[in-house]
Amino acid sequence: RNRSDSVASGTVTYEVPDGWSAPATAAFEVPASGT
């Protein structure tokens, strides 16, 4: 959820238990005041 009044972007990262394979970091873009 974007709490600002402008478009926001960034990356999502994942952490999983030892011995598991984590998904790759993913880019995101959230519209202003949107989800």
Full PDB file with SEQRES, HELIX, SHEET, SSBOND, CRYST1, ORIGX, SCALE, CONECT and MASTER records, all heavy atoms in Angstrom:
SEQRES   1 A   35  ARG ASN ARG SER ASP SER VAL ALA SER GLY THR VAL THR          
SEQRES   2 A   35  TYR GLU VAL PRO ASP GLY TRP SER ALA PRO ALA THR ALA          
SEQRES   3 A   35  ALA PHE GLU VAL PRO ALA SER GLY THR                          
SHEET    1 AA1 2 ALA A   8  VAL A  12  0                                        
SHEET    2 AA1 2 ALA A  26  VAL A  30 -1                                        
CRYST1    1.000    1.000    1.000  90.00  90.00  90.00 P 1           1          
ORIGX1      1.000000  0.000000  0.000000        0.00000                         
ORIGX2      0.000000  1.000000  0.000000        0.00000                         
ORIGX3      0.000000  0.000000  1.000000        0.00000                         
SCALE1      1.000000  0.000000  0.000000        0.00000                         
SCALE2      0.000000  1.000000  0.000000        0.00000                         
SCALE3      0.000000  0.000000  1.000000        0.00000                         
ATOM      1  N   ARG A   1       0.840  -1.196   0.000  1.00  0.00           N  
ATOM      2  CA  ARG A   1       0.000   0.000   0.000  1.00  0.00           C  
ATOM      3  C   ARG A   1       0.877   1.248   0.000  1.00  0.00           C  
ATOM      4  O   ARG A   1       1.839   1.348   0.778  1.00  0.00           O  
ATOM      5  CB  ARG A   1      -0.923   0.006   1.212  1.00  0.00           C  
ATOM      6  CG  ARG A   1      -1.823   1.233   1.312  1.00  0.00           C  
ATOM      7  CD  ARG A   1      -2.967   0.996   2.291  1.00  0.00           C  
ATOM      8  NE  ARG A   1      -2.502   0.556   3.590  1.00  0.00           N  
ATOM      9  CZ  ARG A   1      -2.226   1.385   4.609  1.00  0.00           C  
ATOM     10  NH1 ARG A   1      -2.371   2.688   4.448  1.00  0.00           N  
ATOM     11  NH2 ARG A   1      -1.830   0.908   5.766  1.00  0.00           N  
ATOM     12  N   ASN A   2       0.537   2.191  -0.872  1.00  0.00           N  
ATOM     13  CA  ASN A   2       1.265   3.457  -0.989  1.00  0.00           C  
ATOM     14  C   ASN A   2       0.488   4.538  -0.242  1.00  0.00           C  
ATOM     15  O   ASN A   2      -0.634   4.882  -0.616  1.00  0.00           O  
ATOM     16  CB  ASN A   2       1.425   3.829  -2.458  1.00  0.00           C  
ATOM     17  CG  ASN A   2       2.239   5.097  -2.656  1.00  0.00           C  
ATOM     18  OD1 ASN A   2       2.704   5.715  -1.701  1.00  0.00           O  
ATOM     19  ND2 ASN A   2       2.413   5.494  -3.907  1.00  0.00           N  
ATOM     20  N   ARG A   3       1.088   5.093   0.813  1.00  0.00           N  
ATOM     21  CA  ARG A   3       0.414   6.097   1.624  1.00  0.00           C  
ATOM     22  C   ARG A   3       0.699   7.533   1.155  1.00  0.00           C  
ATOM     23  O   ARG A   3       0.202   8.480   1.748  1.00  0.00           O  
ATOM     24  CB  ARG A   3       0.830   5.940   3.087  1.00  0.00           C  
ATOM     25  CG  ARG A   3       0.533   4.561   3.644  1.00  0.00           C  
ATOM     26  CD  ARG A   3       0.730   4.472   5.122  1.00  0.00           C  
ATOM     27  NE  ARG A   3       2.136   4.568   5.505  1.00  0.00           N  
ATOM     28  CZ  ARG A   3       2.600   4.285   6.731  1.00  0.00           C  
ATOM     29  NH1 ARG A   3       1.751   3.905   7.679  1.00  0.00           N  
ATOM     30  NH2 ARG A   3       3.876   4.391   7.006  1.00  0.00           N  
ATOM     31  N   SER A   4       1.500   7.653   0.108  1.00  0.00           N  
ATOM     32  CA  SER A   4       1.834   8.994  -0.375  1.00  0.00           C  
ATOM     33  C   SER A   4       0.944   9.371  -1.565  1.00  0.00           C  
ATOM     34  O   SER A   4       0.219   8.534  -2.099  1.00  0.00           O  
ATOM     35  CB  SER A   4       3.306   9.053  -0.804  1.00  0.00           C  
ATOM     36  OG  SER A   4       3.507   8.344  -2.012  1.00  0.00           O  
ATOM     37  N   ASP A   5       1.036  10.634  -1.972  1.00  0.00           N  
ATOM     38  CA  ASP A   5       0.213  11.105  -3.098  1.00  0.00           C  
ATOM     39  C   ASP A   5       0.992  11.139  -4.406  1.00  0.00           C  
ATOM     40  O   ASP A   5       0.661  11.879  -5.317  1.00  0.00           O  
ATOM     41  CB  ASP A   5      -0.379  12.490  -2.794  1.00  0.00           C  
ATOM     42  CG  ASP A   5       0.695  13.513  -2.487  1.00  0.00           C  
ATOM     43  OD1 ASP A   5       1.896  13.167  -2.561  1.00  0.00           O  
ATOM     44  OD2 ASP A   5       0.341  14.668  -2.151  1.00  0.00           O  
ATOM     45  N   SER A   6       2.041  10.308  -4.475  1.00  0.00           N  
ATOM     46  CA  SER A   6       2.787  10.172  -5.722  1.00  0.00           C  
ATOM     47  C   SER A   6       3.153   8.713  -5.924  1.00  0.00           C  
ATOM     48  O   SER A   6       3.162   7.917  -4.976  1.00  0.00           O  
ATOM     49  CB  SER A   6       4.063  11.032  -5.701  1.00  0.00           C  
ATOM     50  OG  SER A   6       4.897  10.653  -4.623  1.00  0.00           O  
ATOM     51  N   VAL A   7       3.427   8.342  -7.157  1.00  0.00           N  
ATOM     52  CA  VAL A   7       3.791   6.953  -7.470  1.00  0.00           C  
ATOM     53  C   VAL A   7       5.065   6.572  -6.718  1.00  0.00           C  
ATOM     54  O   VAL A   7       6.016   7.363  -6.638  1.00  0.00           O  
ATOM     55  CB  VAL A   7       3.993   6.775  -8.983  1.00  0.00           C  
ATOM     56  CG1 VAL A   7       4.471   5.366  -9.295  1.00  0.00           C  
ATOM     57  CG2 VAL A   7       2.699   7.066  -9.725  1.00  0.00           C  
ATOM     58  N   ALA A   8       5.080   5.364  -6.149  1.00  0.00           N  
ATOM     59  CA  ALA A   8       6.247   4.888  -5.399  1.00  0.00           C  
ATOM     60  C   ALA A   8       6.745   3.578  -6.006  1.00  0.00           C  
ATOM     61  O   ALA A   8       5.958   2.760  -6.483  1.00  0.00           O  
ATOM     62  CB  ALA A   8       5.899   4.682  -3.927  1.00  0.00           C  
ATOM     63  N   SER A   9       8.044   3.394  -5.983  1.00  0.00           N  
ATOM     64  CA  SER A   9       8.637   2.167  -6.520  1.00  0.00           C  
ATOM     65  C   SER A   9       9.721   1.678  -5.586  1.00  0.00           C  
ATOM     66  O   SER A   9      10.191   2.395  -4.700  1.00  0.00           O  
ATOM     67  CB  SER A   9       9.216   2.402  -7.920  1.00  0.00           C  
ATOM     68  OG  SER A   9      10.233   3.390  -7.877  1.00  0.00           O  
ATOM     69  N   GLY A  10      10.112   0.437  -5.760  1.00  0.00           N  
ATOM     70  CA  GLY A  10      11.160  -0.148  -4.930  1.00  0.00           C  
ATOM     71  C   GLY A  10      11.302  -1.619  -5.245  1.00  0.00           C  
ATOM     72  O   GLY A  10      10.943  -2.071  -6.338  1.00  0.00           O  
ATOM     73  N   THR A  11      11.813  -2.386  -4.296  1.00  0.00           N  
ATOM     74  CA  THR A  11      12.017  -3.820  -4.493  1.00  0.00           C  
ATOM     75  C   THR A  11      11.493  -4.598  -3.291  1.00  0.00           C  
ATOM     76  O   THR A  11      11.506  -4.112  -2.158  1.00  0.00           O  
ATOM     77  CB  THR A  11      13.515  -4.163  -4.684  1.00  0.00           C  
ATOM     78  OG1 THR A  11      14.261  -3.660  -3.570  1.00  0.00           O  
ATOM     79  CG2 THR A  11      14.045  -3.558  -5.969  1.00  0.00           C  
ATOM     80  N   VAL A  12      11.014  -5.791  -3.572  1.00  0.00           N  
ATOM     81  CA  VAL A  12      10.566  -6.724  -2.551  1.00  0.00           C  
ATOM     82  C   VAL A  12      11.632  -7.799  -2.385  1.00  0.00           C  
ATOM     83  O   VAL A  12      12.116  -8.358  -3.378  1.00  0.00           O  
ATOM     84  CB  VAL A  12       9.223  -7.383  -2.944  1.00  0.00           C  
ATOM     85  CG1 VAL A  12       8.789  -8.386  -1.885  1.00  0.00           C  
ATOM     86  CG2 VAL A  12       8.155  -6.340  -3.157  1.00  0.00           C  
ATOM     87  N   THR A  13      12.011  -8.080  -1.146  1.00  0.00           N  
ATOM     88  CA  THR A  13      12.983  -9.137  -0.876  1.00  0.00           C  
ATOM     89  C   THR A  13      12.350 -10.201   0.017  1.00  0.00           C  
ATOM     90  O   THR A  13      11.405  -9.919   0.767  1.00  0.00           O  
ATOM     91  CB  THR A  13      14.248  -8.591  -0.200  1.00  0.00           C  
ATOM     92  OG1 THR A  13      13.890  -7.951   1.039  1.00  0.00           O  
ATOM     93  CG2 THR A  13      14.951  -7.579  -1.102  1.00  0.00           C  
ATOM     94  N   TYR A  14      12.899 -11.420  -0.062  1.00  0.00           N  
ATOM     95  CA  TYR A  14      12.330 -12.560   0.643  1.00  0.00           C  
ATOM     96  C   TYR A  14      13.409 -13.246   1.478  1.00  0.00           C  
ATOM     97  O   TYR A  14      14.564 -13.343   1.065  1.00  0.00           O  
ATOM     98  CB  TYR A  14      11.760 -13.573  -0.354  1.00  0.00           C  
ATOM     99  CG  TYR A  14      10.701 -13.004  -1.266  1.00  0.00           C  
ATOM    100  CD1 TYR A  14      11.047 -12.359  -2.454  1.00  0.00           C  
ATOM    101  CD2 TYR A  14       9.350 -13.108  -0.944  1.00  0.00           C  
ATOM    102  CE1 TYR A  14      10.070 -11.826  -3.290  1.00  0.00           C  
ATOM    103  CE2 TYR A  14       8.374 -12.582  -1.779  1.00  0.00           C  
ATOM    104  CZ  TYR A  14       8.736 -11.941  -2.954  1.00  0.00           C  
ATOM    105  OH  TYR A  14       7.774 -11.420  -3.778  1.00  0.00           O  
ATOM    106  N   GLU A  15      13.011 -13.719   2.646  1.00  0.00           N  
ATOM    107  CA  GLU A  15      13.874 -14.546   3.490  1.00  0.00           C  
ATOM    108  C   GLU A  15      13.105 -15.806   3.864  1.00  0.00           C  
ATOM    109  O   GLU A  15      11.935 -15.733   4.263  1.00  0.00           O  
ATOM    110  CB  GLU A  15      14.297 -13.792   4.743  1.00  0.00           C  
ATOM    111  CG  GLU A  15      15.224 -12.610   4.480  1.00  0.00           C  
ATOM    112  CD  GLU A  15      15.670 -11.923   5.759  1.00  0.00           C  
ATOM    113  OE1 GLU A  15      15.671 -12.597   6.817  1.00  0.00           O  
ATOM    114  OE2 GLU A  15      15.990 -10.723   5.700  1.00  0.00           O  
ATOM    115  N   VAL A  16      13.770 -16.954   3.727  1.00  0.00           N  
ATOM    116  CA  VAL A  16      13.142 -18.248   3.984  1.00  0.00           C  
ATOM    117  C   VAL A  16      14.018 -19.040   4.947  1.00  0.00           C  
ATOM    118  O   VAL A  16      15.160 -18.664   5.219  1.00  0.00           O  
ATOM    119  CB  VAL A  16      12.945 -19.021   2.657  1.00  0.00           C  
ATOM    120  CG1 VAL A  16      11.950 -18.305   1.763  1.00  0.00           C  
ATOM    121  CG2 VAL A  16      14.275 -19.189   1.923  1.00  0.00           C  
ATOM    122  N   PRO A  17      13.520 -20.149   5.499  1.00  0.00           N  
ATOM    123  CA  PRO A  17      14.326 -20.936   6.434  1.00  0.00           C  
ATOM    124  C   PRO A  17      15.611 -21.463   5.787  1.00  0.00           C  
ATOM    125  O   PRO A  17      15.717 -21.580   4.562  1.00  0.00           O  
ATOM    126  CB  PRO A  17      13.385 -22.083   6.821  1.00  0.00           C  
ATOM    127  CG  PRO A  17      12.011 -21.548   6.582  1.00  0.00           C  
ATOM    128  CD  PRO A  17      12.137 -20.650   5.381  1.00  0.00           C  
ATOM    129  N   ASP A  18      16.579 -21.783   6.613  1.00  0.00           N  
ATOM    130  CA  ASP A  18      17.834 -22.368   6.135  1.00  0.00           C  
ATOM    131  C   ASP A  18      17.545 -23.632   5.320  1.00  0.00           C  
ATOM    132  O   ASP A  18      16.707 -24.455   5.707  1.00  0.00           O  
ATOM    133  CB  ASP A  18      18.746 -22.727   7.312  1.00  0.00           C  
ATOM    134  CG  ASP A  18      19.274 -21.495   8.032  1.00  0.00           C  
ATOM    135  OD1 ASP A  18      19.224 -20.407   7.441  1.00  0.00           O  
ATOM    136  OD2 ASP A  18      19.734 -21.635   9.182  1.00  0.00           O  
ATOM    137  N   GLY A  19      18.240 -23.753   4.206  1.00  0.00           N  
ATOM    138  CA  GLY A  19      18.049 -24.911   3.342  1.00  0.00           C  
ATOM    139  C   GLY A  19      16.990 -24.723   2.274  1.00  0.00           C  
ATOM    140  O   GLY A  19      16.858 -25.566   1.386  1.00  0.00           O  
ATOM    141  N   TRP A  20      16.222 -23.630   2.346  1.00  0.00           N  
ATOM    142  CA  TRP A  20      15.228 -23.320   1.327  1.00  0.00           C  
ATOM    143  C   TRP A  20      15.830 -22.366   0.306  1.00  0.00           C  
ATOM    144  O   TRP A  20      16.806 -21.678   0.586  1.00  0.00           O  
ATOM    145  CB  TRP A  20      14.002 -22.657   1.951  1.00  0.00           C  
ATOM    146  CG  TRP A  20      13.206 -23.533   2.879  1.00  0.00           C  
ATOM    147  CD1 TRP A  20      13.673 -24.328   3.873  1.00  0.00           C  
ATOM    148  CD2 TRP A  20      11.783 -23.657   2.925  1.00  0.00           C  
ATOM    149  NE1 TRP A  20      12.644 -24.950   4.530  1.00  0.00           N  
ATOM    150  CE2 TRP A  20      11.477 -24.552   3.978  1.00  0.00           C  
ATOM    151  CE3 TRP A  20      10.750 -23.093   2.184  1.00  0.00           C  
ATOM    152  CZ2 TRP A  20      10.164 -24.903   4.293  1.00  0.00           C  
ATOM    153  CZ3 TRP A  20       9.445 -23.431   2.505  1.00  0.00           C  
ATOM    154  CH2 TRP A  20       9.153 -24.338   3.549  1.00  0.00           C  
ATOM    155  N   SER A  21      15.230 -22.298  -0.878  1.00  0.00           N  
ATOM    156  CA  SER A  21      15.652 -21.356  -1.909  1.00  0.00           C  
ATOM    157  C   SER A  21      14.675 -20.184  -1.935  1.00  0.00           C  
ATOM    158  O   SER A  21      13.476 -20.373  -2.160  1.00  0.00           O  
ATOM    159  CB  SER A  21      15.696 -22.029  -3.286  1.00  0.00           C  
ATOM    160  OG  SER A  21      16.675 -23.044  -3.320  1.00  0.00           O  
ATOM    161  N   ALA A  22      15.192 -18.975  -1.708  1.00  0.00           N  
ATOM    162  CA  ALA A  22      14.348 -17.781  -1.675  1.00  0.00           C  
ATOM    163  C   ALA A  22      14.092 -17.276  -3.087  1.00  0.00           C  
ATOM    164  O   ALA A  22      14.953 -17.381  -3.965  1.00  0.00           O  
ATOM    165  CB  ALA A  22      15.015 -16.693  -0.843  1.00  0.00           C  
ATOM    166  N   PRO A  23      12.912 -16.707  -3.344  1.00  0.00           N  
ATOM    167  CA  PRO A  23      12.649 -16.085  -4.648  1.00  0.00           C  
ATOM    168  C   PRO A  23      13.598 -14.911  -4.878  1.00  0.00           C  
ATOM    169  O   PRO A  23      14.110 -14.304  -3.931  1.00  0.00           O  
ATOM    170  CB  PRO A  23      11.201 -15.602  -4.526  1.00  0.00           C  
ATOM    171  CG  PRO A  23      10.613 -16.372  -3.393  1.00  0.00           C  
ATOM    172  CD  PRO A  23      11.747 -16.651  -2.451  1.00  0.00           C  
ATOM    173  N   ALA A  24      13.811 -14.597  -6.136  1.00  0.00           N  
ATOM    174  CA  ALA A  24      14.657 -13.450  -6.474  1.00  0.00           C  
ATOM    175  C   ALA A  24      13.975 -12.152  -6.044  1.00  0.00           C  
ATOM    176  O   ALA A  24      12.744 -12.069  -5.960  1.00  0.00           O  
ATOM    177  CB  ALA A  24      14.929 -13.428  -7.972  1.00  0.00           C  
ATOM    178  N   THR A  25      14.790 -11.134  -5.781  1.00  0.00           N  
ATOM    179  CA  THR A  25      14.253  -9.813  -5.466  1.00  0.00           C  
ATOM    180  C   THR A  25      13.404  -9.312  -6.634  1.00  0.00           C  
ATOM    181  O   THR A  25      13.778  -9.463  -7.798  1.00  0.00           O  
ATOM    182  CB  THR A  25      15.406  -8.834  -5.195  1.00  0.00           C  
ATOM    183  OG1 THR A  25      16.145  -9.304  -4.067  1.00  0.00           O  
ATOM    184  CG2 THR A  25      14.893  -7.438  -4.911  1.00  0.00           C  
ATOM    185  N   ALA A  26      12.239  -8.732  -6.325  1.00  0.00           N  
ATOM    186  CA  ALA A  26      11.302  -8.305  -7.365  1.00  0.00           C  
ATOM    187  C   ALA A  26      11.052  -6.805  -7.276  1.00  0.00           C  
ATOM    188  O   ALA A  26      10.895  -6.258  -6.183  1.00  0.00           O  
ATOM    189  CB  ALA A  26       9.978  -9.052  -7.229  1.00  0.00           C  
ATOM    190  N   ALA A  27      11.014  -6.140  -8.433  1.00  0.00           N  
ATOM    191  CA  ALA A  27      10.722  -4.707  -8.473  1.00  0.00           C  
ATOM    192  C   ALA A  27       9.214  -4.491  -8.392  1.00  0.00           C  
ATOM    193  O   ALA A  27       8.419  -5.322  -8.840  1.00  0.00           O  
ATOM    194  CB  ALA A  27      11.275  -4.093  -9.751  1.00  0.00           C  
ATOM    195  N   PHE A  28       8.809  -3.347  -7.810  1.00  0.00           N  
ATOM    196  CA  PHE A  28       7.398  -3.015  -7.742  1.00  0.00           C  
ATOM    197  C   PHE A  28       7.190  -1.527  -8.011  1.00  0.00           C  
ATOM    198  O   PHE A  28       8.105  -0.715  -7.869  1.00  0.00           O  
ATOM    199  CB  PHE A  28       6.801  -3.377  -6.377  1.00  0.00           C  
ATOM    200  CG  PHE A  28       7.288  -2.511  -5.241  1.00  0.00           C  
ATOM    201  CD1 PHE A  28       6.738  -1.252  -5.007  1.00  0.00           C  
ATOM    202  CD2 PHE A  28       8.287  -2.962  -4.391  1.00  0.00           C  
ATOM    203  CE1 PHE A  28       7.178  -0.458  -3.960  1.00  0.00           C  
ATOM    204  CE2 PHE A  28       8.737  -2.177  -3.349  1.00  0.00           C  
ATOM    205  CZ  PHE A  28       8.182  -0.916  -3.131  1.00  0.00           C  
ATOM    206  N   GLU A  29       5.965  -1.193  -8.397  1.00  0.00           N  
ATOM    207  CA  GLU A  29       5.535   0.200  -8.539  1.00  0.00           C  
ATOM    208  C   GLU A  29       4.095   0.284  -8.056  1.00  0.00           C  
ATOM    209  O   GLU A  29       3.246  -0.493  -8.481  1.00  0.00           O  
ATOM    210  CB  GLU A  29       5.640   0.668  -9.985  1.00  0.00           C  
ATOM    211  CG  GLU A  29       5.336   2.155 -10.173  1.00  0.00           C  
ATOM    212  CD  GLU A  29       5.577   2.623 -11.592  1.00  0.00           C  
ATOM    213  OE1 GLU A  29       6.748   2.899 -11.937  1.00  0.00           O  
ATOM    214  OE2 GLU A  29       4.590   2.675 -12.360  1.00  0.00           O  
ATOM    215  N   VAL A  30       3.843   1.204  -7.118  1.00  0.00           N  
ATOM    216  CA  VAL A  30       2.516   1.336  -6.527  1.00  0.00           C  
ATOM    217  C   VAL A  30       1.960   2.712  -6.874  1.00  0.00           C  
ATOM    218  O   VAL A  30       2.641   3.725  -6.662  1.00  0.00           O  
ATOM    219  CB  VAL A  30       2.566   1.174  -4.997  1.00  0.00           C  
ATOM    220  CG1 VAL A  30       1.155   1.014  -4.442  1.00  0.00           C  
ATOM    221  CG2 VAL A  30       3.420  -0.014  -4.601  1.00  0.00           C  
ATOM    222  N   PRO A  31       0.737   2.780  -7.412  1.00  0.00           N  
ATOM    223  CA  PRO A  31       0.163   4.089  -7.737  1.00  0.00           C  
ATOM    224  C   PRO A  31      -0.066   4.931  -6.485  1.00  0.00           C  
ATOM    225  O   PRO A  31      -0.140   4.413  -5.367  1.00  0.00           O  
ATOM    226  CB  PRO A  31      -1.163   3.729  -8.412  1.00  0.00           C  
ATOM    227  CG  PRO A  31      -1.481   2.357  -7.921  1.00  0.00           C  
ATOM    228  CD  PRO A  31      -0.169   1.673  -7.726  1.00  0.00           C  
ATOM    229  N   ALA A  32      -0.185   6.225  -6.664  1.00  0.00           N  
ATOM    230  CA  ALA A  32      -0.422   7.138  -5.543  1.00  0.00           C  
ATOM    231  C   ALA A  32      -1.678   6.730  -4.784  1.00  0.00           C  
ATOM    232  O   ALA A  32      -2.728   6.479  -5.383  1.00  0.00           O  
ATOM    233  CB  ALA A  32      -0.553   8.566  -6.066  1.00  0.00           C  
ATOM    234  N   SER A  33      -1.525   6.628  -3.464  1.00  0.00           N  
ATOM    235  CA  SER A  33      -2.647   6.284  -2.570  1.00  0.00           C  
ATOM    236  C   SER A  33      -3.328   4.981  -2.981  1.00  0.00           C  
ATOM    237  O   SER A  33      -4.523   4.794  -2.714  1.00  0.00           O  
ATOM    238  CB  SER A  33      -3.672   7.418  -2.530  1.00  0.00           C  
ATOM    239  OG  SER A  33      -3.057   8.623  -2.114  1.00  0.00           O  
ATOM    240  N   GLY A  34      -2.581   4.093  -3.634  1.00  0.00           N  
ATOM    241  CA  GLY A  34      -3.164   2.844  -4.106  1.00  0.00           C  
ATOM    242  C   GLY A  34      -2.462   1.626  -3.546  1.00  0.00           C  
ATOM    243  O   GLY A  34      -1.595   1.715  -2.661  1.00  0.00           O  
ATOM    244  N   THR A  35      -2.830   0.462  -4.056  1.00  0.00           N  
ATOM    245  CA  THR A  35      -2.236  -0.806  -3.637  1.00  0.00           C  
ATOM    246  C   THR A  35      -1.838  -1.610  -4.863  1.00  0.00           C  
ATOM    247  O   THR A  35      -2.343  -1.380  -5.967  1.00  0.00           O  
ATOM    248  CB  THR A  35      -3.209  -1.647  -2.784  1.00  0.00           C  
ATOM    249  OG1 THR A  35      -4.358  -1.979  -3.564  1.00  0.00           O  
ATOM    250  CG2 THR A  35      -3.625  -0.906  -1.527  1.00  0.00           C  
TER     251      THR A  35                                                      
MASTER        0    0    0    0    2    0    0    6  250    1    0    3          
END                                                                             
